[in-house]
Amino acid sequence: MEEHPAPAAPAQPAGGPARRLRATSLGDDALADEIELYGAVVVAASEKDGCLTAAEIDEALGMPADRAGRASGPGW
């Protein structure tokens, strides 16, 4: 039976995955802000049974309680 070499792993940019993140359109500060907001929503969701409402998501993100143009119906 003929042996074939294992496929090569995809090339990684110098610095690995963290280096790839800095190469995106988000700067380090913007990326850190996005991660903090995401974390706030995850924490809020983990503290509730069921879905978060739009108002609860807004609250977790630190948005004003009564934003214009935002319906406060059931969560997604």
PDB file of N, CA and C in Angstrom:
ATOM      1  N   MET A   1       0.841  -1.154   0.000  1.00  0.00           N
ATOM      2  CA  MET A   1       0.000   0.000   0.000  1.00  0.00           C
ATOM      3  C   MET A   1       0.903   1.239   0.000  1.00  0.00           C
ATOM      4  N   GLU A   2       0.523   2.232  -0.786  1.00  0.00           N
ATOM      5  CA  GLU A   2       1.318   3.452  -0.920  1.00  0.00           C
ATOM      6  C   GLU A   2       1.031   4.404   0.243  1.00  0.00           C
ATOM      7  N   GLU A   3       2.095   4.963   0.833  1.00  0.00           N
ATOM      8  CA  GLU A   3       1.927   5.898   1.944  1.00  0.00           C
ATOM      9  C   GLU A   3       1.906   7.316   1.423  1.00  0.00           C
ATOM     10  N   HIS A   4       0.996   8.127   1.993  1.00  0.00           N
ATOM     11  CA  HIS A   4       0.899   9.536   1.626  1.00  0.00           C
ATOM     12  C   HIS A   4       1.264  10.383   2.839  1.00  0.00           C
ATOM     13  N   PRO A   5       1.986  11.468   2.624  1.00  0.00           N
ATOM     14  CA  PRO A   5       2.313  12.325   3.766  1.00  0.00           C
ATOM     15  C   PRO A   5       1.053  13.003   4.314  1.00  0.00           C
ATOM     16  N   ALA A   6       1.079  13.317   5.586  1.00  0.00           N
ATOM     17  CA  ALA A   6      -0.056  14.003   6.210  1.00  0.00           C
ATOM     18  C   ALA A   6      -0.187  15.396   5.600  1.00  0.00           C
ATOM     19  N   PRO A   7      -1.422  15.906   5.473  1.00  0.00           N
ATOM     20  CA  PRO A   7      -1.589  17.248   4.922  1.00  0.00           C
ATOM     21  C   PRO A   7      -0.921  18.285   5.817  1.00  0.00           C
ATOM     22  N   ALA A   8      -0.388  19.304   5.205  1.00  0.00           N
ATOM     23  CA  ALA A   8       0.279  20.366   5.954  1.00  0.00           C
ATOM     24  C   ALA A   8      -0.762  21.217   6.675  1.00  0.00           C
ATOM     25  N   ALA A   9      -0.415  21.690   7.854  1.00  0.00           N
ATOM     26  CA  ALA A   9      -1.307  22.583   8.607  1.00  0.00           C
ATOM     27  C   ALA A   9      -1.344  23.940   7.913  1.00  0.00           C
ATOM     28  N   PRO A  10      -2.480  24.643   7.986  1.00  0.00           N
ATOM     29  CA  PRO A  10      -2.550  25.965   7.373  1.00  0.00           C
ATOM     30  C   PRO A  10      -1.510  26.893   7.986  1.00  0.00           C
ATOM     31  N   ALA A  11      -0.960  27.760   7.177  1.00  0.00           N
ATOM     32  CA  ALA A  11       0.066  28.690   7.650  1.00  0.00           C
ATOM     33  C   ALA A  11      -0.543  29.678   8.626  1.00  0.00           C
ATOM     34  N   GLN A  12       0.131  29.929   9.726  1.00  0.00           N
ATOM     35  CA  GLN A  12      -0.297  30.903  10.728  1.00  0.00           C
ATOM     36  C   GLN A  12       0.523  32.174  10.549  1.00  0.00           C
ATOM     37  N   PRO A  13      -0.124  33.340  10.652  1.00  0.00           N
ATOM     38  CA  PRO A  13       0.665  34.565  10.585  1.00  0.00           C
ATOM     39  C   PRO A  13       1.596  34.650  11.783  1.00  0.00           C
ATOM     40  N   ALA A  14       2.697  35.356  11.647  1.00  0.00           N
ATOM     41  CA  ALA A  14       3.633  35.517  12.752  1.00  0.00           C
ATOM     42  C   ALA A  14       2.888  36.066  13.952  1.00  0.00           C
ATOM     43  N   GLY A  15       3.045  35.457  15.098  1.00  0.00           N
ATOM     44  CA  GLY A  15       2.367  35.909  16.296  1.00  0.00           C
ATOM     45  C   GLY A  15       1.111  35.116  16.614  1.00  0.00           C
ATOM     46  N   GLY A  16       0.663  34.235  15.743  1.00  0.00           N
ATOM     47  CA  GLY A  16      -0.484  33.377  16.005  1.00  0.00           C
ATOM     48  C   GLY A  16      -1.812  34.106  15.971  1.00  0.00           C
ATOM     49  N   PRO A  17      -2.843  33.530  16.617  1.00  0.00           N
ATOM     50  CA  PRO A  17      -4.196  34.082  16.553  1.00  0.00           C
ATOM     51  C   PRO A  17      -4.306  35.518  17.060  1.00  0.00           C
ATOM     52  N   ALA A  18      -3.565  35.871  18.104  1.00  0.00           N
ATOM     53  CA  ALA A  18      -3.656  37.237  18.632  1.00  0.00           C
ATOM     54  C   ALA A  18      -3.206  38.241  17.578  1.00  0.00           C
ATOM     55  N   ARG A  19      -2.238  37.886  16.813  1.00  0.00           N
ATOM     56  CA  ARG A  19      -1.749  38.773  15.754  1.00  0.00           C
ATOM     57  C   ARG A  19      -2.833  38.976  14.698  1.00  0.00           C
ATOM     58  N   ARG A  20      -3.597  37.928  14.381  1.00  0.00           N
ATOM     59  CA  ARG A  20      -4.684  38.040  13.406  1.00  0.00           C
ATOM     60  C   ARG A  20      -5.736  39.033  13.876  1.00  0.00           C
ATOM     61  N   LEU A  21      -6.055  39.026  15.182  1.00  0.00           N
ATOM     62  CA  LEU A  21      -7.063  39.937  15.700  1.00  0.00           C
ATOM     63  C   LEU A  21      -6.653  41.392  15.507  1.00  0.00           C
ATOM     64  N   ARG A  22      -5.402  41.696  15.723  1.00  0.00           N
ATOM     65  CA  ARG A  22      -4.942  43.077  15.565  1.00  0.00           C
ATOM     66  C   ARG A  22      -4.937  43.497  14.110  1.00  0.00           C
ATOM     67  N   ALA A  23      -4.954  42.566  13.203  1.00  0.00           N
ATOM     68  CA  ALA A  23      -4.922  42.897  11.780  1.00  0.00           C
ATOM     69  C   ALA A  23      -6.303  43.238  11.239  1.00  0.00           C
ATOM     70  N   THR A  24      -7.344  43.082  12.050  1.00  0.00           N
ATOM     71  CA  THR A  24      -8.694  43.388  11.590  1.00  0.00           C
ATOM     72  C   THR A  24      -8.931  44.890  11.638  1.00  0.00           C
ATOM     73  N   SER A  25     -10.124  45.317  11.235  1.00  0.00           N
ATOM     74  CA  SER A  25     -10.443  46.733  11.217  1.00  0.00           C
ATOM     75  C   SER A  25     -10.671  47.291  12.618  1.00  0.00           C
ATOM     76  N   LEU A  26     -10.841  46.440  13.618  1.00  0.00           N
ATOM     77  CA  LEU A  26     -11.013  46.909  14.986  1.00  0.00           C
ATOM     78  C   LEU A  26      -9.650  47.104  15.629  1.00  0.00           C
ATOM     79  N   GLY A  27      -9.469  48.236  16.273  1.00  0.00           N
ATOM     80  CA  GLY A  27      -8.236  48.465  17.016  1.00  0.00           C
ATOM     81  C   GLY A  27      -8.293  47.733  18.340  1.00  0.00           C
ATOM     82  N   ASP A  28      -7.186  47.715  19.054  1.00  0.00           N
ATOM     83  CA  ASP A  28      -7.149  47.015  20.333  1.00  0.00           C
ATOM     84  C   ASP A  28      -8.182  47.564  21.315  1.00  0.00           C
ATOM     85  N   ASP A  29      -8.319  48.892  21.403  1.00  0.00           N
ATOM     86  CA  ASP A  29      -9.278  49.488  22.334  1.00  0.00           C
ATOM     87  C   ASP A  29     -10.714  49.145  21.936  1.00  0.00           C
ATOM     88  N   ALA A  30     -11.015  49.245  20.656  1.00  0.00           N
ATOM     89  CA  ALA A  30     -12.364  48.929  20.179  1.00  0.00           C
ATOM     90  C   ALA A  30     -12.676  47.456  20.415  1.00  0.00           C
ATOM     91  N   LEU A  31     -11.712  46.604  20.183  1.00  0.00           N
ATOM     92  CA  LEU A  31     -11.913  45.167  20.390  1.00  0.00           C
ATOM     93  C   LEU A  31     -12.148  44.876  21.866  1.00  0.00           C
ATOM     94  N   ALA A  32     -11.403  45.505  22.739  1.00  0.00           N
ATOM     95  CA  ALA A  32     -11.591  45.312  24.176  1.00  0.00           C
ATOM     96  C   ALA A  32     -12.985  45.780  24.599  1.00  0.00           C
ATOM     97  N   ASP A  33     -13.442  46.892  24.035  1.00  0.00           N
ATOM     98  CA  ASP A  33     -14.795  47.383  24.341  1.00  0.00           C
ATOM     99  C   ASP A  33     -15.851  46.383  23.882  1.00  0.00           C
ATOM    100  N   GLU A  34     -15.690  45.828  22.689  1.00  0.00           N
ATOM    101  CA  GLU A  34     -16.646  44.845  22.164  1.00  0.00           C
ATOM    102  C   GLU A  34     -16.691  43.608  23.062  1.00  0.00           C
ATOM    103  N   ILE A  35     -15.542  43.156  23.513  1.00  0.00           N
ATOM    104  CA  ILE A  35     -15.481  41.971  24.377  1.00  0.00           C
ATOM    105  C   ILE A  35     -16.160  42.256  25.712  1.00  0.00           C
ATOM    106  N   GLU A  36     -15.950  43.459  26.256  1.00  0.00           N
ATOM    107  CA  GLU A  36     -16.584  43.827  27.518  1.00  0.00           C
ATOM    108  C   GLU A  36     -18.109  43.860  27.385  1.00  0.00           C
ATOM    109  N   LEU A  37     -18.609  44.422  26.285  1.00  0.00           N
ATOM    110  CA  LEU A  37     -20.059  44.468  26.069  1.00  0.00           C
ATOM    111  C   LEU A  37     -20.638  43.065  25.898  1.00  0.00           C
ATOM    112  N   TYR A  38     -19.953  42.239  25.136  1.00  0.00           N
ATOM    113  CA  TYR A  38     -20.397  40.862  24.937  1.00  0.00           C
ATOM    114  C   TYR A  38     -20.466  40.137  26.276  1.00  0.00           C
ATOM    115  N   GLY A  39     -19.438  40.325  27.093  1.00  0.00           N
ATOM    116  CA  GLY A  39     -19.406  39.697  28.409  1.00  0.00           C
ATOM    117  C   GLY A  39     -20.565  40.143  29.282  1.00  0.00           C
ATOM    118  N   ALA A  40     -20.916  41.430  29.212  1.00  0.00           N
ATOM    119  CA  ALA A  40     -22.028  41.949  30.005  1.00  0.00           C
ATOM    120  C   ALA A  40     -23.332  41.273  29.615  1.00  0.00           C
ATOM    121  N   VAL A  41     -23.537  41.051  28.325  1.00  0.00           N
ATOM    122  CA  VAL A  41     -24.762  40.386  27.867  1.00  0.00           C
ATOM    123  C   VAL A  41     -24.750  38.914  28.285  1.00  0.00           C
ATOM    124  N   VAL A  42     -23.614  38.257  28.206  1.00  0.00           N
ATOM    125  CA  VAL A  42     -23.516  36.851  28.610  1.00  0.00           C
ATOM    126  C   VAL A  42     -23.833  36.706  30.093  1.00  0.00           C
ATOM    127  N   VAL A  43     -23.289  37.597  30.919  1.00  0.00           N
ATOM    128  CA  VAL A  43     -23.560  37.543  32.359  1.00  0.00           C
ATOM    129  C   VAL A  43     -25.051  37.755  32.619  1.00  0.00           C
ATOM    130  N   ALA A  44     -25.650  38.757  31.977  1.00  0.00           N
ATOM    131  CA  ALA A  44     -27.081  39.014  32.162  1.00  0.00           C
ATOM    132  C   ALA A  44     -27.909  37.803  31.751  1.00  0.00           C
ATOM    133  N   ALA A  45     -27.549  37.175  30.644  1.00  0.00           N
ATOM    134  CA  ALA A  45     -28.296  36.010  30.169  1.00  0.00           C
ATOM    135  C   ALA A  45     -28.133  34.821  31.112  1.00  0.00           C
ATOM    136  N   SER A  46     -26.956  34.683  31.705  1.00  0.00           N
ATOM    137  CA  SER A  46     -26.725  33.545  32.599  1.00  0.00           C
ATOM    138  C   SER A  46     -27.472  33.692  33.925  1.00  0.00           C
ATOM    139  N   GLU A  47     -27.864  34.911  34.252  1.00  0.00           N
ATOM    140  CA  GLU A  47     -28.579  35.155  35.504  1.00  0.00           C
ATOM    141  C   GLU A  47     -30.088  35.072  35.355  1.00  0.00           C
ATOM    142  N   LYS A  48     -30.575  34.770  34.161  1.00  0.00           N
ATOM    143  CA  LYS A  48     -32.015  34.744  33.912  1.00  0.00           C
ATOM    144  C   LYS A  48     -32.421  33.420  33.269  1.00  0.00           C
ATOM    145  N   ASP A  49     -33.576  32.923  33.674  1.00  0.00           N
ATOM    146  CA  ASP A  49     -34.154  31.767  32.988  1.00  0.00           C
ATOM    147  C   ASP A  49     -34.919  32.297  31.789  1.00  0.00           C
ATOM    148  N   GLY A  50     -34.690  31.739  30.624  1.00  0.00           N
ATOM    149  CA  GLY A  50     -35.369  32.200  29.420  1.00  0.00           C
ATOM    150  C   GLY A  50     -34.576  33.274  28.702  1.00  0.00           C
ATOM    151  N   CYS A  51     -35.242  33.877  27.735  1.00  0.00           N
ATOM    152  CA  CYS A  51     -34.592  34.883  26.894  1.00  0.00           C
ATOM    153  C   CYS A  51     -34.598  36.257  27.548  1.00  0.00           C
ATOM    154  N   LEU A  52     -33.598  37.052  27.208  1.00  0.00           N
ATOM    155  CA  LEU A  52     -33.573  38.445  27.635  1.00  0.00           C
ATOM    156  C   LEU A  52     -34.493  39.263  26.733  1.00  0.00           C
ATOM    157  N   THR A  53     -35.159  40.243  27.314  1.00  0.00           N
ATOM    158  CA  THR A  53     -35.948  41.163  26.498  1.00  0.00           C
ATOM    159  C   THR A  53     -34.993  42.202  25.918  1.00  0.00           C
ATOM    160  N   ALA A  54     -35.466  42.946  24.943  1.00  0.00           N
ATOM    161  CA  ALA A  54     -34.649  44.014  24.358  1.00  0.00           C
ATOM    162  C   ALA A  54     -34.258  45.020  25.432  1.00  0.00           C
ATOM    163  N   ALA A  55     -35.170  45.323  26.335  1.00  0.00           N
ATOM    164  CA  ALA A  55     -34.881  46.269  27.421  1.00  0.00           C
ATOM    165  C   ALA A  55     -33.791  45.728  28.346  1.00  0.00           C
ATOM    166  N   GLU A  56     -33.807  44.428  28.618  1.00  0.00           N
ATOM    167  CA  GLU A  56     -32.782  43.824  29.481  1.00  0.00           C
ATOM    168  C   GLU A  56     -31.417  43.824  28.797  1.00  0.00           C
ATOM    169  N   ILE A  57     -31.411  43.615  27.498  1.00  0.00           N
ATOM    170  CA  ILE A  57     -30.153  43.683  26.751  1.00  0.00           C
ATOM    171  C   ILE A  57     -29.620  45.113  26.783  1.00  0.00           C
ATOM    172  N   ASP A  58     -30.503  46.078  26.547  1.00  0.00           N
ATOM    173  CA  ASP A  58     -30.101  47.481  26.611  1.00  0.00           C
ATOM    174  C   ASP A  58     -29.516  47.809  27.987  1.00  0.00           C
ATOM    175  N   GLU A  59     -30.163  47.330  29.037  1.00  0.00           N
ATOM    176  CA  GLU A  59     -29.682  47.580  30.395  1.00  0.00           C
ATOM    177  C   GLU A  59     -28.292  46.975  30.595  1.00  0.00           C
ATOM    178  N   ALA A  60     -28.089  45.746  30.134  1.00  0.00           N
ATOM    179  CA  ALA A  60     -26.790  45.089  30.268  1.00  0.00           C
ATOM    180  C   ALA A  60     -25.702  45.848  29.518  1.00  0.00           C
ATOM    181  N   LEU A  61     -26.088  46.482  28.414  1.00  0.00           N
ATOM    182  CA  LEU A  61     -25.123  47.232  27.604  1.00  0.00           C
ATOM    183  C   LEU A  61     -24.946  48.664  28.094  1.00  0.00           C
ATOM    184  N   GLY A  62     -25.720  49.050  29.118  1.00  0.00           N
ATOM    185  CA  GLY A  62     -25.601  50.388  29.655  1.00  0.00           C
ATOM    186  C   GLY A  62     -26.304  51.446  28.838  1.00  0.00           C
ATOM    187  N   MET A  63     -27.296  51.026  28.059  1.00  0.00           N
ATOM    188  CA  MET A  63     -28.054  51.970  27.233  1.00  0.00           C
ATOM    189  C   MET A  63     -29.096  52.675  28.091  1.00  0.00           C
ATOM    190  N   PRO A  64     -29.503  53.886  27.698  1.00  0.00           N
ATOM    191  CA  PRO A  64     -30.579  54.577  28.422  1.00  0.00           C
ATOM    192  C   PRO A  64     -31.839  53.711  28.441  1.00  0.00           C
ATOM    193  N   ALA A  65     -32.594  53.798  29.532  1.00  0.00           N
ATOM    194  CA  ALA A  65     -33.754  52.929  29.722  1.00  0.00           C
ATOM    195  C   ALA A  65     -34.838  53.136  28.673  1.00  0.00           C
ATOM    196  N   ASP A  66     -35.004  54.345  28.169  1.00  0.00           N
ATOM    197  CA  ASP A  66     -36.099  54.627  27.245  1.00  0.00           C
ATOM    198  C   ASP A  66     -35.559  55.187  25.933  1.00  0.00           C
ATOM    199  N   ARG A  67     -34.860  54.350  25.165  1.00  0.00           N
ATOM    200  CA  ARG A  67     -34.306  54.787  23.873  1.00  0.00           C
ATOM    201  C   ARG A  67     -35.411  54.927  22.852  1.00  0.00           C
ATOM    202  N   ALA A  68     -35.365  55.978  22.077  1.00  0.00           N
ATOM    203  CA  ALA A  68     -36.346  56.167  20.990  1.00  0.00           C
ATOM    204  C   ALA A  68     -36.105  55.129  19.905  1.00  0.00           C
ATOM    205  N   GLY A  69     -37.190  54.626  19.341  1.00  0.00           N
ATOM    206  CA  GLY A  69     -37.079  53.687  18.231  1.00  0.00           C
ATOM    207  C   GLY A  69     -36.806  52.259  18.629  1.00  0.00           C
ATOM    208  N   ARG A  70     -36.810  51.929  19.907  1.00  0.00           N
ATOM    209  CA  ARG A  70     -36.504  50.571  20.354  1.00  0.00           C
ATOM    210  C   ARG A  70     -37.737  49.990  21.006  1.00  0.00           C
ATOM    211  N   ALA A  71     -38.272  48.967  20.406  1.00  0.00           N
ATOM    212  CA  ALA A  71     -39.427  48.276  21.003  1.00  0.00           C
ATOM    213  C   ALA A  71     -38.945  47.430  22.162  1.00  0.00           C
ATOM    214  N   SER A  72     -39.728  47.344  23.205  1.00  0.00           N
ATOM    215  CA  SER A  72     -39.339  46.513  24.338  1.00  0.00           C
ATOM    216  C   SER A  72     -40.249  45.299  24.406  1.00  0.00           C
ATOM    217  N   GLY A  73     -40.044  44.400  23.475  1.00  0.00           N
ATOM    218  CA  GLY A  73     -40.836  43.170  23.421  1.00  0.00           C
ATOM    219  C   GLY A  73     -40.043  42.001  23.940  1.00  0.00           C
ATOM    220  N   PRO A  74     -40.486  40.793  23.645  1.00  0.00           N
ATOM    221  CA  PRO A  74     -39.768  39.598  24.115  1.00  0.00           C
ATOM    222  C   PRO A  74     -38.378  39.517  23.487  1.00  0.00           C
ATOM    223  N   GLY A  75     -37.477  38.842  24.171  1.00  0.00           N
ATOM    224  CA  GLY A  75     -36.098  38.688  23.696  1.00  0.00           C
ATOM    225  C   GLY A  75     -36.020  37.834  22.453  1.00  0.00           C
ATOM    226  N   TRP A  76     -34.816  37.721  21.935  1.00  0.00           N
ATOM    227  CA  TRP A  76     -34.608  36.966  20.694  1.00  0.00           C
ATOM    228  C   TRP A  76     -34.413  35.541  20.971  1.00  0.00           C
TER     229      TRP A  76
END
